[in-house]
Amino acid sequence: MEKTNILAWAKEGNLSIPTFLISHFKDLKLNESELVLILQIISFQNKGNDFPTPEELSSRLTISADLCANMLRTLIQKGFVNIHDEYTVEGIRFEKYSLEPLWDRLIDHFLRLKKEEETSSKVSSETDLYTCFEQEFGRPLSPFECETLAMWLDDDHHDSIIIKSALKEAVISGKLNFRYIDKILFEWKKNGIKTVEQAKNYGNKFRQKTRPASINQKTTPSQSVPIYNWLEQ
């Protein structure tokens, strides 16, 4: 008997709904009662009843059939639910609730939030980029330098991480100026360098060409490791 009850419970199935609906329904100007009503419509439709009556819906809720009918009208007026006419193979007409308007608005809201997040992240990254340059240069950037940074980002479409890598390369080379950094970025773009790792490997490859031929060669204290000069490219 217990096993039979468990099997019967399992056959009731599960309700699959987007988590984004649960976490953002209020952003769509839905209230809790309207959300539960929508969930009940989905539940009925999963069981093959595409057009549950207000009485059927209210039997699962704590509101009357009249109030349920009013809520349904409100959902239709607010553009969350549609009523479609459908026809069977035999040509018999029947009606069903469609939640496509709800899903469309939910997707639009999701994409809008993602775009806002990307914009916010980009602004934060660019602000951090300007801060990095000012810290390395030890002073505020001039209007021309700010314009150059903006050009690298907007016109040349360099990622802020790549620009930071070029800045680091200039610091290592002891040539901290925008002309040198611009040349680095030009060479990287020309050679398809798009990641920090690629930039690191590319710089190391040329630096190795200028290293001493033998590791046993004696050096004086004044000698330093050769630095690749990007301006000589």
Protein backbone atom coordinates (compact mmCIF):
# COMPACT_ATOMS: atom_id res chain seq x y z
CA MET A 1 0.00 0.00 0.00
CA GLU A 2 2.79 2.40 0.93
CA LYS A 3 4.63 1.64 -2.32
CA THR A 4 1.44 2.21 -4.30
CA ASN A 5 0.99 5.62 -2.70
CA ILE A 6 4.57 6.57 -3.49
CA LEU A 7 4.09 5.55 -7.12
CA ALA A 8 0.86 7.56 -7.29
CA TRP A 9 2.68 10.57 -5.87
CA ALA A 10 5.47 10.16 -8.45
CA LYS A 11 2.94 10.00 -11.28
CA GLU A 12 1.67 13.43 -10.30
CA GLY A 13 4.81 14.75 -11.99
CA ASN A 14 6.83 17.89 -11.38
CA LEU A 15 6.26 21.49 -12.35
CA SER A 16 9.07 22.93 -14.47
CA ILE A 17 9.23 26.73 -14.42
CA PRO A 18 12.06 29.24 -15.00
CA THR A 19 13.82 30.20 -11.78
CA PHE A 20 14.10 33.69 -13.25
CA LEU A 21 10.30 34.00 -13.04
CA ILE A 22 10.32 33.22 -9.32
CA SER A 23 13.12 35.68 -8.58
CA HIS A 24 11.96 38.51 -10.84
CA PHE A 25 8.16 38.34 -11.07
CA LYS A 26 7.83 41.58 -9.09
CA ASP A 27 10.01 43.34 -11.68
CA LEU A 28 7.27 42.54 -14.20
CA LYS A 29 4.68 44.13 -11.87
CA LEU A 30 3.17 40.78 -10.93
CA ASN A 31 2.07 40.15 -7.36
CA GLU A 32 2.27 36.90 -5.41
CA SER A 33 -1.35 35.95 -6.04
CA GLU A 34 -0.98 36.44 -9.79
CA LEU A 35 2.20 34.39 -9.79
CA VAL A 36 0.52 31.46 -8.01
CA LEU A 37 -2.41 31.67 -10.42
CA ILE A 38 0.00 31.47 -13.36
CA LEU A 39 1.68 28.46 -11.77
CA GLN A 40 -1.71 26.77 -11.42
CA ILE A 41 -2.45 27.41 -15.12
CA ILE A 42 0.88 25.78 -16.00
CA SER A 43 0.08 22.86 -13.72
CA PHE A 44 -3.32 22.28 -15.34
CA GLN A 45 -1.83 22.53 -18.81
CA ASN A 46 0.82 19.95 -17.90
CA LYS A 47 -2.06 17.62 -17.09
CA GLY A 48 -3.70 18.24 -20.46
CA ASN A 49 -6.22 20.90 -19.40
CA ASP A 50 -5.27 23.92 -21.52
CA PHE A 51 -8.22 26.07 -20.43
CA PRO A 52 -9.02 25.51 -16.74
CA THR A 53 -12.12 27.33 -15.52
CA PRO A 54 -12.05 29.87 -12.68
CA GLU A 55 -13.81 27.24 -10.55
CA GLU A 56 -11.11 24.66 -11.27
CA LEU A 57 -8.37 27.15 -10.54
CA SER A 58 -9.96 28.48 -7.36
CA SER A 59 -10.29 24.91 -6.04
CA ARG A 60 -6.52 24.94 -5.64
CA LEU A 61 -6.34 28.47 -4.28
CA THR A 62 -7.61 30.36 -1.25
CA ILE A 63 -9.74 32.74 -3.32
CA SER A 64 -13.24 32.48 -4.78
CA ALA A 65 -14.01 31.63 -8.38
CA ASP A 66 -15.20 35.22 -8.97
CA LEU A 67 -11.97 36.69 -7.67
CA CYS A 68 -10.03 34.15 -9.71
CA ALA A 69 -11.93 35.23 -12.85
CA ASN A 70 -11.11 38.88 -12.09
CA MET A 71 -7.42 38.03 -11.71
CA LEU A 72 -7.46 36.20 -15.03
CA ARG A 73 -8.97 39.25 -16.73
CA THR A 74 -6.30 41.43 -15.14
CA LEU A 75 -3.52 39.15 -16.39
CA ILE A 76 -4.98 39.31 -19.90
CA GLN A 77 -5.32 43.11 -19.72
CA LYS A 78 -1.74 43.48 -18.46
CA GLY A 79 -0.53 41.39 -21.39
CA PHE A 80 0.73 38.32 -19.54
CA VAL A 81 -1.84 35.81 -20.79
CA ASN A 82 -3.69 35.36 -24.07
CA ILE A 83 -6.67 33.21 -25.00
CA HIS A 84 -6.19 31.37 -28.28
CA ASP A 85 -8.71 29.55 -30.41
CA GLU A 86 -7.53 26.08 -31.38
CA TYR A 87 -9.08 23.40 -33.55
CA THR A 88 -8.90 19.64 -33.38
CA VAL A 89 -8.30 17.43 -36.40
CA GLU A 90 -12.06 17.01 -36.62
CA GLY A 91 -12.48 20.80 -36.80
CA ILE A 92 -13.87 21.19 -33.30
CA ARG A 93 -13.06 24.61 -31.84
CA PHE A 94 -11.67 24.96 -28.32
CA GLU A 95 -9.91 27.66 -26.32
CA LYS A 96 -6.65 27.57 -24.41
CA TYR A 97 -4.56 29.90 -22.31
CA SER A 98 -1.27 30.98 -23.85
CA LEU A 99 1.59 32.16 -21.64
CA GLU A 100 3.78 33.17 -24.58
CA PRO A 101 3.34 36.89 -23.77
CA LEU A 102 4.66 36.23 -20.26
CA TRP A 103 7.68 34.31 -21.57
CA ASP A 104 8.40 37.04 -24.13
CA ARG A 105 8.39 39.74 -21.46
CA LEU A 106 10.45 37.58 -19.11
CA ILE A 107 13.09 37.00 -21.81
CA ASP A 108 13.16 40.72 -22.66
CA HIS A 109 13.69 41.55 -19.00
CA PHE A 110 16.44 38.94 -18.70
CA LEU A 111 18.29 40.30 -21.76
CA ARG A 112 17.89 43.88 -20.52
CA LEU A 113 19.41 43.00 -17.14
CA LYS A 114 22.30 41.17 -18.81
CA LYS A 115 22.98 44.19 -21.02
CA GLU A 116 22.95 46.49 -17.98
CA GLU A 117 25.37 44.15 -16.18
CA GLU A 118 27.72 44.11 -19.18
CA THR A 119 27.57 47.90 -19.46
CA SER A 120 28.26 48.31 -15.75
CA SER A 121 31.13 45.83 -15.94
CA LYS A 122 32.60 47.64 -18.95
CA VAL A 123 32.41 51.02 -17.22
CA SER A 124 34.02 49.56 -14.10
CA SER A 125 36.78 47.94 -16.17
CA GLU A 126 37.49 51.15 -18.07
CA THR A 127 37.56 53.18 -14.85
CA ASP A 128 40.03 50.68 -13.41
CA LEU A 129 42.10 50.98 -16.58
CA TYR A 130 42.43 54.76 -16.24
CA THR A 131 43.38 54.30 -12.58
CA CYS A 132 46.13 51.81 -13.53
CA PHE A 133 47.64 54.25 -16.01
CA GLU A 134 47.57 57.12 -13.53
CA GLN A 135 49.22 54.96 -10.88
CA GLU A 136 52.02 53.87 -13.23
CA PHE A 137 52.55 57.38 -14.60
CA GLY A 138 52.36 58.85 -11.10
CA ARG A 139 50.08 61.68 -12.24
CA PRO A 140 46.65 62.39 -13.72
CA LEU A 141 46.39 61.68 -17.44
CA SER A 142 46.27 64.58 -19.83
CA PRO A 143 43.20 65.12 -22.06
CA PHE A 144 45.19 63.82 -25.04
CA GLU A 145 46.17 60.68 -23.12
CA CYS A 146 42.56 60.10 -22.03
CA GLU A 147 41.47 60.48 -25.64
CA THR A 148 44.12 57.97 -26.72
CA LEU A 149 42.88 55.45 -24.16
CA ALA A 150 39.32 55.92 -25.37
CA MET A 151 40.49 55.42 -28.97
CA TRP A 152 42.20 52.15 -28.05
CA LEU A 153 38.98 50.91 -26.47
CA ASP A 154 36.32 52.26 -28.84
CA ASP A 155 38.04 52.59 -32.22
CA ASP A 156 40.73 49.90 -32.11
CA HIS A 157 38.59 47.58 -29.94
CA HIS A 158 41.44 46.53 -27.68
CA ASP A 159 40.30 44.73 -24.54
CA SER A 160 41.14 46.58 -21.33
CA ILE A 161 43.12 43.55 -20.13
CA ILE A 162 45.30 43.66 -23.26
CA ILE A 163 45.87 47.40 -22.78
CA LYS A 164 46.96 46.73 -19.19
CA SER A 165 49.36 44.07 -20.50
CA ALA A 166 50.82 46.59 -22.96
CA LEU A 167 51.22 49.05 -20.10
CA LYS A 168 53.06 46.40 -18.10
CA GLU A 169 55.28 45.65 -21.10
CA ALA A 170 56.17 49.33 -21.35
CA VAL A 171 57.00 49.47 -17.65
CA ILE A 172 59.26 46.41 -17.96
CA SER A 173 61.00 47.96 -20.96
CA GLY A 174 61.50 51.23 -19.12
CA LYS A 175 59.72 53.16 -21.86
CA LEU A 176 56.61 54.48 -20.14
CA ASN A 177 54.96 56.61 -22.78
CA PHE A 178 51.81 56.38 -24.88
CA ARG A 179 53.68 56.19 -28.20
CA TYR A 180 55.50 53.07 -27.06
CA ILE A 181 52.31 51.47 -25.70
CA ASP A 182 50.48 52.28 -28.92
CA LYS A 183 53.21 50.53 -30.92
CA ILE A 184 52.93 47.45 -28.70
CA LEU A 185 49.17 47.30 -29.22
CA PHE A 186 49.63 47.78 -32.98
CA GLU A 187 52.10 44.89 -33.18
CA TRP A 188 49.92 42.62 -31.06
CA LYS A 189 46.83 43.30 -33.13
CA LYS A 190 48.76 42.79 -36.38
CA ASN A 191 49.95 39.41 -35.13
CA GLY A 192 46.58 38.28 -33.76
CA ILE A 193 47.45 38.65 -30.09
CA LYS A 194 44.18 38.63 -28.12
CA THR A 195 45.00 37.19 -24.71
CA VAL A 196 47.41 38.02 -21.91
CA GLU A 197 49.13 34.66 -22.31
CA GLN A 198 49.64 35.21 -26.04
CA ALA A 199 51.06 38.68 -25.36
CA LYS A 200 53.44 37.29 -22.74
CA ASN A 201 54.68 34.53 -25.06
CA TYR A 202 55.05 36.95 -27.97
CA GLY A 203 57.18 39.36 -25.94
CA ASN A 204 59.32 36.56 -24.50
CA LYS A 205 59.98 35.17 -27.98
CA PHE A 206 61.62 38.39 -29.12
CA ARG A 207 63.43 38.98 -25.85
CA GLN A 208 65.08 35.58 -26.16
CA LYS A 209 66.69 36.70 -29.43
CA THR A 210 68.61 39.41 -27.61
CA ARG A 211 69.78 37.30 -24.66
CA PRO A 212 73.49 36.27 -24.38
CA ALA A 213 74.34 33.26 -26.52
CA SER A 214 75.83 31.34 -23.57
CA ILE A 215 74.58 31.25 -20.01
CA ASN A 216 78.25 30.85 -18.93
CA GLN A 217 79.22 34.19 -20.42
CA LYS A 218 80.46 36.50 -17.64
CA THR A 219 78.59 39.70 -17.12
CA THR A 220 79.56 42.81 -15.25
CA PRO A 221 77.31 44.20 -12.51
CA SER A 222 76.29 47.01 -14.84
CA GLN A 223 74.88 44.59 -17.45
CA SER A 224 71.13 43.89 -17.46
CA VAL A 225 68.82 41.52 -19.23
CA PRO A 226 68.18 42.87 -22.75
CA ILE A 227 64.73 44.36 -23.28
CA TYR A 228 62.88 44.08 -26.56
CA ASN A 229 62.34 47.50 -28.13
CA TRP A 230 58.90 47.57 -29.77
CA LEU A 231 59.63 50.85 -31.52
CA GLU A 232 62.32 49.14 -33.58
CA GLN A 233 59.78 46.76 -35.11
